[in-house]
Amino acid sequence: MVLKKAAGCLIAADSDYLVRMAYVNNYNLPQIFASVDKDRSGQISADELQRALSNGTWNPFNPETCRLMIGMFDSNGDGAINLQEFQALWQYINEWTNCFRGFDLDNSGNIDKSELQNALTRFGYRLSDQFYNILMLKFDRTHTGRINFDDFIQLCVVLQTLTAAFRDKDTDRDGVITIRYEEFLTMVFSLQM
């Protein structure tokens, strides 16, 4: 159940140049990086990334998803990514795009509850219908019964992070843990999300 292999999307919003560049090879990534780095700091912040990404509905990416992705690839913890980190993030987003498109069976640009259940089941999760309802309430920002691409990434990153934290405590791998309340709070608030 490796969720890091599954990302991607339409890069652009800022200009037609970025839209055209989104479909080129890695040799053009320095040019894309430079066009996204609006303050010319040599790094891209979550705000700069958010302004440059579209979620497939021509709306900006969820700022929280951008913050999560920056955090995942920011190796020195300064809240921004350099060109090398951007290249890894670019690959990550492209993998998620391919994954998302594979589960968006009706090619609507977003996924409904049934498509989400299919995706997470394929990732190895066995969850109740009630839990899928909770996921839909939490990650369907448009309240249409559908989850956009960027929210799907956020859902998967959060789910994978919580699962890893749970597994660390599930030493006998039976799907059950017993922890004190403060231990639970420490586990949740210590997560890098």
N, C-alpha and C. Protein backbone atom coordinates (compact mmCIF):
# COMPACT_ATOMS: atom_id res chain seq x y z
N MET A 1 0.84 -1.17 0.00
CA MET A 1 0.00 0.00 0.00
C MET A 1 0.89 1.24 0.00
N VAL A 2 1.67 1.45 -1.04
CA VAL A 2 2.54 2.60 -1.15
C VAL A 2 1.77 3.69 -1.87
N LEU A 3 1.37 4.71 -1.16
CA LEU A 3 0.58 5.77 -1.76
C LEU A 3 1.43 6.83 -2.42
N LYS A 4 2.73 6.81 -2.21
CA LYS A 4 3.56 7.79 -2.87
C LYS A 4 3.57 7.57 -4.38
N LYS A 5 3.19 6.42 -4.84
CA LYS A 5 3.14 6.16 -6.27
C LYS A 5 1.71 6.35 -6.72
N ALA A 6 1.37 7.58 -7.11
CA ALA A 6 0.02 7.83 -7.56
C ALA A 6 -0.32 9.30 -7.75
N ALA A 7 0.37 10.14 -8.46
CA ALA A 7 0.01 11.55 -8.45
C ALA A 7 -0.03 12.26 -9.79
N GLY A 8 -0.47 13.54 -9.89
CA GLY A 8 -0.35 14.40 -11.04
C GLY A 8 -1.53 15.26 -11.36
N CYS A 9 -1.36 16.29 -12.19
CA CYS A 9 -2.48 17.19 -12.48
C CYS A 9 -2.12 18.19 -13.54
N LEU A 10 -3.03 19.09 -13.79
CA LEU A 10 -2.77 20.17 -14.73
C LEU A 10 -2.00 21.25 -14.00
N ILE A 11 -0.82 21.58 -14.50
CA ILE A 11 -0.08 22.67 -13.89
C ILE A 11 -0.42 23.87 -14.73
N ALA A 12 -0.81 24.90 -14.09
CA ALA A 12 -1.06 26.15 -14.76
C ALA A 12 -2.20 26.87 -14.14
N ALA A 13 -2.29 28.07 -14.47
CA ALA A 13 -3.33 28.95 -14.01
C ALA A 13 -2.79 30.32 -14.30
N ASP A 14 -1.48 30.44 -14.14
CA ASP A 14 -0.83 31.71 -14.29
C ASP A 14 -0.78 32.19 -15.73
N SER A 15 -0.49 31.29 -16.67
CA SER A 15 -0.33 31.71 -18.05
C SER A 15 -0.45 30.52 -18.98
N ASP A 16 -0.69 30.83 -20.25
CA ASP A 16 -0.73 29.76 -21.25
C ASP A 16 0.61 29.05 -21.35
N TYR A 17 1.68 29.78 -21.07
CA TYR A 17 3.01 29.19 -21.12
C TYR A 17 3.10 28.00 -20.17
N LEU A 18 2.62 28.18 -18.96
CA LEU A 18 2.67 27.09 -17.99
C LEU A 18 1.83 25.91 -18.44
N VAL A 19 0.68 26.16 -19.03
CA VAL A 19 -0.18 25.07 -19.50
C VAL A 19 0.58 24.24 -20.53
N ARG A 20 1.20 24.91 -21.49
CA ARG A 20 1.96 24.18 -22.50
C ARG A 20 3.13 23.43 -21.87
N MET A 21 3.78 24.05 -20.89
CA MET A 21 4.94 23.45 -20.26
C MET A 21 4.58 22.23 -19.43
N ALA A 22 3.34 22.11 -19.01
CA ALA A 22 2.96 21.02 -18.12
C ALA A 22 3.14 19.66 -18.77
N TYR A 23 3.17 19.62 -20.08
CA TYR A 23 3.22 18.34 -20.76
C TYR A 23 4.58 18.06 -21.38
N VAL A 24 5.58 18.77 -20.96
CA VAL A 24 6.92 18.54 -21.50
C VAL A 24 7.74 17.70 -20.54
N ASN A 25 8.93 17.36 -20.98
CA ASN A 25 9.78 16.49 -20.16
C ASN A 25 10.52 17.28 -19.08
N ASN A 26 11.29 16.57 -18.29
CA ASN A 26 11.97 17.17 -17.15
C ASN A 26 13.02 18.22 -17.52
N TYR A 27 13.44 18.27 -18.78
CA TYR A 27 14.43 19.26 -19.18
C TYR A 27 13.89 20.68 -19.05
N ASN A 28 12.58 20.84 -19.12
CA ASN A 28 11.98 22.17 -19.01
C ASN A 28 11.55 22.52 -17.60
N LEU A 29 11.77 21.64 -16.66
CA LEU A 29 11.36 21.93 -15.29
C LEU A 29 12.04 23.16 -14.70
N PRO A 30 13.31 23.44 -14.99
CA PRO A 30 13.89 24.68 -14.46
C PRO A 30 13.14 25.93 -14.95
N GLN A 31 12.66 25.91 -16.19
CA GLN A 31 11.89 27.05 -16.70
C GLN A 31 10.54 27.15 -15.99
N ILE A 32 9.91 26.01 -15.78
CA ILE A 32 8.63 26.01 -15.06
C ILE A 32 8.85 26.50 -13.64
N PHE A 33 9.90 25.98 -13.00
CA PHE A 33 10.23 26.40 -11.64
C PHE A 33 10.39 27.92 -11.58
N ALA A 34 11.15 28.48 -12.52
CA ALA A 34 11.39 29.93 -12.53
C ALA A 34 10.09 30.71 -12.70
N SER A 35 9.17 30.20 -13.52
CA SER A 35 7.92 30.93 -13.73
C SER A 35 6.99 30.84 -12.51
N VAL A 36 7.13 29.80 -11.72
CA VAL A 36 6.31 29.65 -10.51
C VAL A 36 6.93 30.44 -9.35
N ASP A 37 8.25 30.57 -9.34
CA ASP A 37 8.98 31.29 -8.28
C ASP A 37 8.82 32.80 -8.50
N LYS A 38 7.67 33.33 -8.14
CA LYS A 38 7.33 34.72 -8.43
C LYS A 38 8.22 35.73 -7.72
N ASP A 39 8.68 35.42 -6.51
CA ASP A 39 9.51 36.37 -5.79
C ASP A 39 11.00 36.21 -6.10
N ARG A 40 11.32 35.28 -7.00
CA ARG A 40 12.70 35.04 -7.45
C ARG A 40 13.64 34.70 -6.30
N SER A 41 13.11 33.98 -5.32
CA SER A 41 13.91 33.61 -4.14
C SER A 41 14.74 32.35 -4.38
N GLY A 42 14.47 31.67 -5.49
CA GLY A 42 15.13 30.39 -5.73
C GLY A 42 14.42 29.25 -5.04
N GLN A 43 13.27 29.56 -4.45
CA GLN A 43 12.46 28.55 -3.77
C GLN A 43 10.98 28.84 -4.06
N ILE A 44 10.18 27.79 -3.94
CA ILE A 44 8.74 27.93 -4.15
C ILE A 44 8.04 27.68 -2.82
N SER A 45 7.22 28.64 -2.42
CA SER A 45 6.44 28.50 -1.19
C SER A 45 5.12 27.80 -1.50
N ALA A 46 4.39 27.44 -0.47
CA ALA A 46 3.07 26.82 -0.66
C ALA A 46 2.13 27.77 -1.40
N ASP A 47 2.22 29.07 -1.11
CA ASP A 47 1.36 30.05 -1.80
C ASP A 47 1.70 30.13 -3.28
N GLU A 48 2.99 30.14 -3.61
CA GLU A 48 3.39 30.18 -5.02
C GLU A 48 2.94 28.91 -5.73
N LEU A 49 3.11 27.77 -5.08
CA LEU A 49 2.69 26.50 -5.67
C LEU A 49 1.19 26.50 -5.89
N GLN A 50 0.43 26.96 -4.92
CA GLN A 50 -1.02 26.97 -5.01
C GLN A 50 -1.50 27.84 -6.18
N ARG A 51 -0.84 28.97 -6.41
CA ARG A 51 -1.23 29.84 -7.52
C ARG A 51 -0.90 29.22 -8.88
N ALA A 52 0.04 28.28 -8.90
CA ALA A 52 0.47 27.68 -10.17
C ALA A 52 -0.25 26.39 -10.52
N LEU A 53 -0.93 25.78 -9.57
CA LEU A 53 -1.58 24.49 -9.82
C LEU A 53 -3.08 24.65 -9.99
N SER A 54 -3.61 23.89 -10.93
CA SER A 54 -5.06 23.82 -11.11
C SER A 54 -5.48 22.40 -10.79
N ASN A 55 -6.66 22.23 -10.21
CA ASN A 55 -7.09 20.90 -9.79
C ASN A 55 -7.88 20.17 -10.86
N GLY A 56 -7.86 20.65 -12.08
CA GLY A 56 -8.60 20.00 -13.16
C GLY A 56 -9.95 20.64 -13.40
N THR A 57 -10.35 21.53 -12.50
CA THR A 57 -11.61 22.25 -12.67
C THR A 57 -11.33 23.73 -12.93
N TRP A 58 -10.07 24.05 -13.21
CA TRP A 58 -9.59 25.41 -13.42
C TRP A 58 -9.74 26.27 -12.17
N ASN A 59 -9.85 25.62 -11.04
CA ASN A 59 -9.83 26.31 -9.76
C ASN A 59 -8.47 26.06 -9.13
N PRO A 60 -8.00 26.99 -8.32
CA PRO A 60 -6.70 26.77 -7.67
C PRO A 60 -6.74 25.55 -6.76
N PHE A 61 -5.57 24.97 -6.59
CA PHE A 61 -5.42 23.83 -5.68
C PHE A 61 -5.83 24.25 -4.26
N ASN A 62 -6.27 23.28 -3.50
CA ASN A 62 -6.57 23.48 -2.09
C ASN A 62 -5.27 23.92 -1.41
N PRO A 63 -5.28 25.07 -0.71
CA PRO A 63 -4.05 25.53 -0.05
C PRO A 63 -3.48 24.52 0.94
N GLU A 64 -4.35 23.78 1.61
CA GLU A 64 -3.90 22.78 2.57
C GLU A 64 -3.15 21.64 1.86
N THR A 65 -3.62 21.25 0.68
CA THR A 65 -2.93 20.21 -0.09
C THR A 65 -1.54 20.70 -0.49
N CYS A 66 -1.45 21.96 -0.92
CA CYS A 66 -0.15 22.53 -1.29
C CYS A 66 0.79 22.55 -0.08
N ARG A 67 0.27 22.93 1.08
CA ARG A 67 1.09 22.95 2.29
C ARG A 67 1.59 21.54 2.63
N LEU A 68 0.71 20.55 2.50
CA LEU A 68 1.11 19.16 2.77
C LEU A 68 2.21 18.72 1.81
N MET A 69 2.04 19.03 0.52
CA MET A 69 3.03 18.59 -0.48
C MET A 69 4.36 19.30 -0.27
N ILE A 70 4.33 20.60 0.02
CA ILE A 70 5.58 21.31 0.30
C ILE A 70 6.27 20.66 1.50
N GLY A 71 5.50 20.36 2.53
CA GLY A 71 6.06 19.72 3.72
C GLY A 71 6.68 18.37 3.43
N MET A 72 6.10 17.63 2.49
CA MET A 72 6.62 16.31 2.16
C MET A 72 7.96 16.38 1.44
N PHE A 73 8.18 17.44 0.66
CA PHE A 73 9.38 17.52 -0.17
C PHE A 73 10.39 18.55 0.32
N ASP A 74 10.06 19.30 1.33
CA ASP A 74 10.93 20.33 1.90
C ASP A 74 11.95 19.66 2.82
N SER A 75 13.12 19.36 2.29
CA SER A 75 14.10 18.57 3.05
C SER A 75 14.74 19.32 4.20
N ASN A 76 14.81 20.65 4.14
CA ASN A 76 15.46 21.39 5.23
C ASN A 76 14.46 22.06 6.17
N GLY A 77 13.17 21.89 5.93
CA GLY A 77 12.16 22.38 6.85
C GLY A 77 11.94 23.87 6.86
N ASP A 78 12.33 24.56 5.78
CA ASP A 78 12.17 26.01 5.76
C ASP A 78 10.84 26.48 5.17
N GLY A 79 9.96 25.54 4.82
CA GLY A 79 8.64 25.91 4.32
C GLY A 79 8.58 26.19 2.83
N ALA A 80 9.65 25.88 2.12
CA ALA A 80 9.69 26.10 0.67
C ALA A 80 10.51 24.98 0.04
N ILE A 81 10.40 24.85 -1.28
CA ILE A 81 11.17 23.82 -1.99
C ILE A 81 12.06 24.46 -3.03
N ASN A 82 13.25 23.88 -3.19
CA ASN A 82 14.18 24.35 -4.21
C ASN A 82 13.91 23.59 -5.51
N LEU A 83 14.72 23.81 -6.52
CA LEU A 83 14.50 23.18 -7.82
C LEU A 83 14.55 21.66 -7.73
N GLN A 84 15.53 21.12 -7.02
CA GLN A 84 15.64 19.66 -6.91
C GLN A 84 14.40 19.08 -6.23
N GLU A 85 13.93 19.73 -5.17
CA GLU A 85 12.73 19.26 -4.47
C GLU A 85 11.49 19.42 -5.36
N PHE A 86 11.47 20.49 -6.15
CA PHE A 86 10.37 20.71 -7.09
C PHE A 86 10.30 19.60 -8.13
N GLN A 87 11.47 19.15 -8.60
CA GLN A 87 11.49 18.06 -9.57
C GLN A 87 10.88 16.79 -8.98
N ALA A 88 11.18 16.50 -7.72
CA ALA A 88 10.59 15.33 -7.06
C ALA A 88 9.08 15.53 -6.87
N LEU A 89 8.68 16.74 -6.49
CA LEU A 89 7.25 17.04 -6.34
C LEU A 89 6.53 16.92 -7.67
N TRP A 90 7.15 17.40 -8.74
CA TRP A 90 6.56 17.32 -10.09
C TRP A 90 6.27 15.86 -10.44
N GLN A 91 7.25 15.00 -10.19
CA GLN A 91 7.06 13.57 -10.46
C GLN A 91 5.93 13.01 -9.62
N TYR A 92 5.89 13.38 -8.36
CA TYR A 92 4.85 12.94 -7.43
C TYR A 92 3.46 13.35 -7.95
N ILE A 93 3.35 14.59 -8.39
CA ILE A 93 2.06 15.08 -8.91
C ILE A 93 1.69 14.33 -10.18
N ASN A 94 2.65 14.10 -11.05
CA ASN A 94 2.35 13.36 -12.28
C ASN A 94 1.89 11.94 -11.99
N GLU A 95 2.50 11.30 -11.00
CA GLU A 95 2.07 9.95 -10.62
C GLU A 95 0.65 9.98 -10.07
N TRP A 96 0.34 10.98 -9.24
CA TRP A 96 -1.02 11.09 -8.71
C TRP A 96 -2.03 11.37 -9.81
N THR A 97 -1.65 12.15 -10.81
CA THR A 97 -2.56 12.42 -11.93
C THR A 97 -2.93 11.13 -12.63
N ASN A 98 -1.93 10.32 -12.93
CA ASN A 98 -2.20 9.05 -13.62
C ASN A 98 -3.08 8.15 -12.77
N CYS A 99 -2.81 8.11 -11.49
CA CYS A 99 -3.63 7.31 -10.58
C CYS A 99 -5.06 7.81 -10.56
N PHE A 100 -5.23 9.11 -10.37
CA PHE A 100 -6.56 9.71 -10.28
C PHE A 100 -7.37 9.45 -11.54
N ARG A 101 -6.74 9.65 -12.68
CA ARG A 101 -7.44 9.41 -13.95
C ARG A 101 -7.89 7.96 -14.07
N GLY A 102 -7.11 7.04 -13.53
CA GLY A 102 -7.49 5.63 -13.56
C GLY A 102 -8.73 5.32 -12.75
N PHE A 103 -9.00 6.12 -11.72
CA PHE A 103 -10.17 5.90 -10.88
C PHE A 103 -11.35 6.79 -11.25
N ASP A 104 -11.11 7.83 -12.02
CA ASP A 104 -12.18 8.72 -12.49
C ASP A 104 -12.83 8.07 -13.71
N LEU A 105 -13.64 7.06 -13.47
CA LEU A 105 -14.17 6.22 -14.54
C LEU A 105 -15.06 6.96 -15.52
N ASP A 106 -15.75 8.01 -15.07
CA ASP A 106 -16.62 8.76 -15.97
C ASP A 106 -15.92 9.98 -16.57
N ASN A 107 -14.62 10.11 -16.33
CA ASN A 107 -13.81 11.22 -16.86
C ASN A 107 -14.40 12.59 -16.54
N SER A 108 -14.95 12.71 -15.35
CA SER A 108 -15.58 13.97 -14.94
C SER A 108 -14.57 14.98 -14.38
N GLY A 109 -13.37 14.53 -14.07
CA GLY A 109 -12.38 15.41 -13.46
C GLY A 109 -12.44 15.40 -11.94
N ASN A 110 -13.34 14.61 -11.40
CA ASN A 110 -13.44 14.42 -9.96
C ASN A 110 -13.97 13.01 -9.72
N ILE A 111 -13.96 12.58 -8.47
CA ILE A 111 -14.42 11.21 -8.20
C ILE A 111 -15.57 11.23 -7.20
N ASP A 112 -16.51 10.34 -7.42
CA ASP A 112 -17.64 10.21 -6.51
C ASP A 112 -17.31 9.15 -5.45
N LYS A 113 -18.25 8.91 -4.58
CA LYS A 113 -18.02 7.97 -3.48
C LYS A 113 -17.68 6.57 -3.99
N SER A 114 -18.36 6.12 -5.01
CA SER A 114 -18.10 4.79 -5.56
C SER A 114 -16.68 4.69 -6.12
N GLU A 115 -16.27 5.72 -6.85
CA GLU A 115 -14.91 5.74 -7.40
C GLU A 115 -13.87 5.82 -6.28
N LEU A 116 -14.18 6.57 -5.22
CA LEU A 116 -13.28 6.66 -4.08
C LEU A 116 -13.15 5.30 -3.40
N GLN A 117 -14.27 4.61 -3.22
CA GLN A 117 -14.23 3.27 -2.62
C GLN A 117 -13.37 2.33 -3.46
N ASN A 118 -13.52 2.40 -4.75
CA ASN A 118 -12.71 1.58 -5.65
C ASN A 118 -11.22 1.90 -5.49
N ALA A 119 -10.89 3.19 -5.46
CA ALA A 119 -9.49 3.61 -5.33
C ALA A 119 -8.88 3.11 -4.03
N LEU A 120 -9.55 3.38 -2.92
CA LEU A 120 -8.97 3.01 -1.63
C LEU A 120 -8.94 1.51 -1.42
N THR A 121 -9.91 0.80 -1.98
CA THR A 121 -9.87 -0.66 -1.92
C THR A 121 -8.67 -1.18 -2.69
N ARG A 122 -8.39 -0.58 -3.85
CA ARG A 122 -7.22 -0.98 -4.64
C ARG A 122 -5.92 -0.67 -3.90
N PHE A 123 -5.94 0.38 -3.06
CA PHE A 123 -4.76 0.72 -2.25
C PHE A 123 -4.62 -0.22 -1.06
N GLY A 124 -5.61 -1.07 -0.83
CA GLY A 124 -5.52 -2.04 0.26
C GLY A 124 -6.35 -1.72 1.48
N TYR A 125 -7.11 -0.65 1.45
CA TYR A 125 -7.94 -0.29 2.59
C TYR A 125 -9.27 -1.03 2.52
N ARG A 126 -9.72 -1.50 3.67
CA ARG A 126 -11.04 -2.12 3.80
C ARG A 126 -11.81 -1.29 4.82
N LEU A 127 -12.67 -0.41 4.33
CA LEU A 127 -13.34 0.56 5.19
C LEU A 127 -14.85 0.44 5.07
N SER A 128 -15.55 0.84 6.11
CA SER A 128 -17.02 0.74 6.12
C SER A 128 -17.65 1.84 5.26
N ASP A 129 -18.88 1.60 4.87
CA ASP A 129 -19.63 2.60 4.11
C ASP A 129 -19.78 3.88 4.93
N GLN A 130 -19.97 3.73 6.22
CA GLN A 130 -20.10 4.87 7.11
C GLN A 130 -18.82 5.72 7.08
N PHE A 131 -17.65 5.06 7.06
CA PHE A 131 -16.40 5.80 7.01
C PHE A 131 -16.24 6.53 5.68
N TYR A 132 -16.67 5.91 4.58
CA TYR A 132 -16.62 6.61 3.29
C TYR A 132 -17.51 7.85 3.31
N ASN A 133 -18.64 7.78 4.00
CA ASN A 133 -19.50 8.96 4.14
C ASN A 133 -18.76 10.08 4.88
N ILE A 134 -18.01 9.71 5.91
CA ILE A 134 -17.22 10.69 6.65
C ILE A 134 -16.15 11.31 5.75
N LEU A 135 -15.46 10.47 4.97
CA LEU A 135 -14.45 10.98 4.03
C LEU A 135 -15.06 11.95 3.03
N MET A 136 -16.23 11.61 2.52
CA MET A 136 -16.90 12.49 1.56
C MET A 136 -17.25 13.83 2.22
N LEU A 137 -17.75 13.80 3.43
CA LEU A 137 -18.07 15.05 4.13
C LEU A 137 -16.82 15.90 4.36
N LYS A 138 -15.73 15.24 4.70
CA LYS A 138 -14.49 15.95 5.02
C LYS A 138 -13.78 16.50 3.78
N PHE A 139 -13.77 15.75 2.69
CA PHE A 139 -12.93 16.13 1.54
C PHE A 139 -13.70 16.63 0.32
N ASP A 140 -15.01 16.62 0.35
CA ASP A 140 -15.82 17.18 -0.73
C ASP A 140 -16.07 18.66 -0.42
N ARG A 141 -15.09 19.51 -0.76
CA ARG A 141 -15.20 20.94 -0.43
C ARG A 141 -16.31 21.64 -1.18
N THR A 142 -16.71 21.11 -2.34
CA THR A 142 -17.74 21.77 -3.14
C THR A 142 -19.15 21.30 -2.78
N HIS A 143 -19.25 20.31 -1.92
CA HIS A 143 -20.54 19.77 -1.46
C HIS A 143 -21.41 19.30 -2.63
N THR A 144 -20.76 18.60 -3.57
CA THR A 144 -21.46 18.09 -4.75
C THR A 144 -21.49 16.57 -4.78
N GLY A 145 -20.95 15.94 -3.75
CA GLY A 145 -20.86 14.49 -3.74
C GLY A 145 -19.68 13.99 -4.56
N ARG A 146 -18.72 14.88 -4.83
CA ARG A 146 -17.56 14.53 -5.64
C ARG A 146 -16.31 15.17 -5.01
N ILE A 147 -15.19 14.49 -5.18
CA ILE A 147 -13.92 14.98 -4.64
C ILE A 147 -13.02 15.37 -5.79
N ASN A 148 -12.52 16.60 -5.75
CA ASN A 148 -11.60 17.08 -6.78
C ASN A 148 -10.23 16.45 -6.60
N PHE A 149 -9.43 16.57 -7.63
CA PHE A 149 -8.10 15.96 -7.66
C PHE A 149 -7.24 16.34 -6.46
N ASP A 150 -7.16 17.64 -6.17
CA ASP A 150 -6.29 18.10 -5.09
C ASP A 150 -6.77 17.59 -3.73
N ASP A 151 -8.07 17.51 -3.55
CA ASP A 151 -8.61 17.00 -2.30
C ASP A 151 -8.39 15.49 -2.19
N PHE A 152 -8.37 14.80 -3.33
CA PHE A 152 -8.07 13.37 -3.35
C PHE A 152 -6.63 13.13 -2.88
N ILE A 153 -5.71 13.96 -3.36
CA ILE A 153 -4.32 13.84 -2.90
C ILE A 153 -4.26 14.05 -1.39
N GLN A 154 -4.92 15.10 -0.91
CA GLN A 154 -4.90 15.38 0.52
C GLN A 154 -5.49 14.22 1.31
N LEU A 155 -6.61 13.69 0.87
CA LEU A 155 -7.25 12.56 1.54
C LEU A 155 -6.28 11.38 1.63
N CYS A 156 -5.63 11.06 0.53
CA CYS A 156 -4.72 9.90 0.50
C CYS A 156 -3.49 10.12 1.38
N VAL A 157 -2.95 11.34 1.37
CA VAL A 157 -1.78 11.63 2.20
C VAL A 157 -2.15 11.54 3.68
N VAL A 158 -3.29 12.11 4.05
CA VAL A 158 -3.73 12.06 5.44
C VAL A 158 -4.01 10.62 5.86
N LEU A 159 -4.71 9.88 5.01
CA LEU A 159 -5.04 8.49 5.33
C LEU A 159 -3.78 7.64 5.49
N GLN A 160 -2.83 7.83 4.59
CA GLN A 160 -1.58 7.08 4.66
C GLN A 160 -0.78 7.45 5.91
N THR A 161 -0.75 8.73 6.25
CA THR A 161 -0.02 9.18 7.44
C THR A 161 -0.64 8.62 8.71
N LEU A 162 -1.97 8.67 8.80
CA LEU A 162 -2.67 8.12 9.97
C LEU A 162 -2.48 6.61 10.06
N THR A 163 -2.52 5.94 8.91
CA THR A 163 -2.33 4.49 8.88
C THR A 163 -0.94 4.11 9.37
N ALA A 164 0.07 4.85 8.92
CA ALA A 164 1.44 4.57 9.35
C ALA A 164 1.58 4.77 10.86
N ALA A 165 0.96 5.83 11.40
CA ALA A 165 1.03 6.07 12.84
C ALA A 165 0.33 4.95 13.61
N PHE A 166 -0.81 4.49 13.09
CA PHE A 166 -1.53 3.39 13.73
C PHE A 166 -0.69 2.12 13.70
N ARG A 167 -0.10 1.83 12.57
CA ARG A 167 0.71 0.60 12.43
C ARG A 167 1.92 0.59 13.36
N ASP A 168 2.46 1.78 13.62
CA ASP A 168 3.58 1.85 14.57
C ASP A 168 3.17 1.35 15.95
N LYS A 169 1.92 1.56 16.30
CA LYS A 169 1.41 1.13 17.62
C LYS A 169 0.84 -0.29 17.58
N ASP A 170 0.49 -0.77 16.40
CA ASP A 170 -0.12 -2.10 16.24
C ASP A 170 0.98 -3.14 16.09
N THR A 171 1.67 -3.41 17.17
CA THR A 171 2.86 -4.26 17.12
C THR A 171 2.56 -5.70 16.74
N ASP A 172 1.38 -6.20 17.07
CA ASP A 172 1.05 -7.59 16.72
C ASP A 172 0.26 -7.69 15.41
N ARG A 173 0.07 -6.56 14.74
CA ARG A 173 -0.56 -6.49 13.41
C ARG A 173 -1.96 -7.13 13.35
N ASP A 174 -2.74 -6.91 14.42
CA ASP A 174 -4.10 -7.46 14.43
C ASP A 174 -5.17 -6.40 14.13
N GLY A 175 -4.74 -5.17 13.84
CA GLY A 175 -5.70 -4.11 13.52
C GLY A 175 -6.33 -3.49 14.74
N VAL A 176 -5.78 -3.76 15.91
CA VAL A 176 -6.31 -3.22 17.16
C VAL A 176 -5.15 -2.68 17.99
N ILE A 177 -5.34 -1.47 18.54
CA ILE A 177 -4.34 -0.93 19.46
C ILE A 177 -5.05 -0.49 20.74
N THR A 178 -4.33 -0.54 21.83
CA THR A 178 -4.83 -0.03 23.10
C THR A 178 -3.83 1.01 23.57
N ILE A 179 -4.31 2.25 23.66
CA ILE A 179 -3.44 3.34 24.10
C ILE A 179 -4.22 4.25 25.05
N ARG A 180 -3.48 4.95 25.88
CA ARG A 180 -4.09 5.94 26.76
C ARG A 180 -4.49 7.15 25.92
N TYR A 181 -5.42 7.94 26.45
CA TYR A 181 -5.92 9.11 25.74
C TYR A 181 -4.80 10.07 25.37
N GLU A 182 -3.91 10.35 26.32
CA GLU A 182 -2.82 11.28 26.04
C GLU A 182 -1.87 10.70 24.99
N GLU A 183 -1.68 9.40 25.01
CA GLU A 183 -0.87 8.75 23.98
C GLU A 183 -1.49 8.95 22.59
N PHE A 184 -2.81 8.81 22.53
CA PHE A 184 -3.53 9.04 21.28
C PHE A 184 -3.33 10.48 20.81
N LEU A 185 -3.53 11.43 21.71
CA LEU A 185 -3.35 12.84 21.35
C LEU A 185 -1.93 13.12 20.89
N THR A 186 -0.96 12.56 21.60
CA THR A 186 0.44 12.73 21.22
C THR A 186 0.69 12.17 19.83
N MET A 187 0.14 11.00 19.56
CA MET A 187 0.30 10.37 18.25
C MET A 187 -0.28 11.26 17.15
N VAL A 188 -1.48 11.76 17.35
CA VAL A 188 -2.15 12.56 16.32
C VAL A 188 -1.46 13.90 16.13
N PHE A 189 -1.16 14.59 17.22
CA PHE A 189 -0.56 15.92 17.11
C PHE A 189 0.91 15.89 16.71
N SER A 190 1.54 14.74 16.78
CA SER A 190 2.94 14.61 16.36
C SER A 190 3.08 14.32 14.87
N LEU A 191 1.98 14.02 14.22
CA LEU A 191 2.03 13.66 12.80
C LEU A 191 2.41 14.85 11.94
N GLN A 192 3.20 14.59 10.93
CA GLN A 192 3.60 15.61 9.97
C GLN A 192 2.57 15.68 8.85
N MET A 193 1.53 16.46 9.07
CA MET A 193 0.46 16.61 8.06
C MET A 193 0.16 18.06 7.86
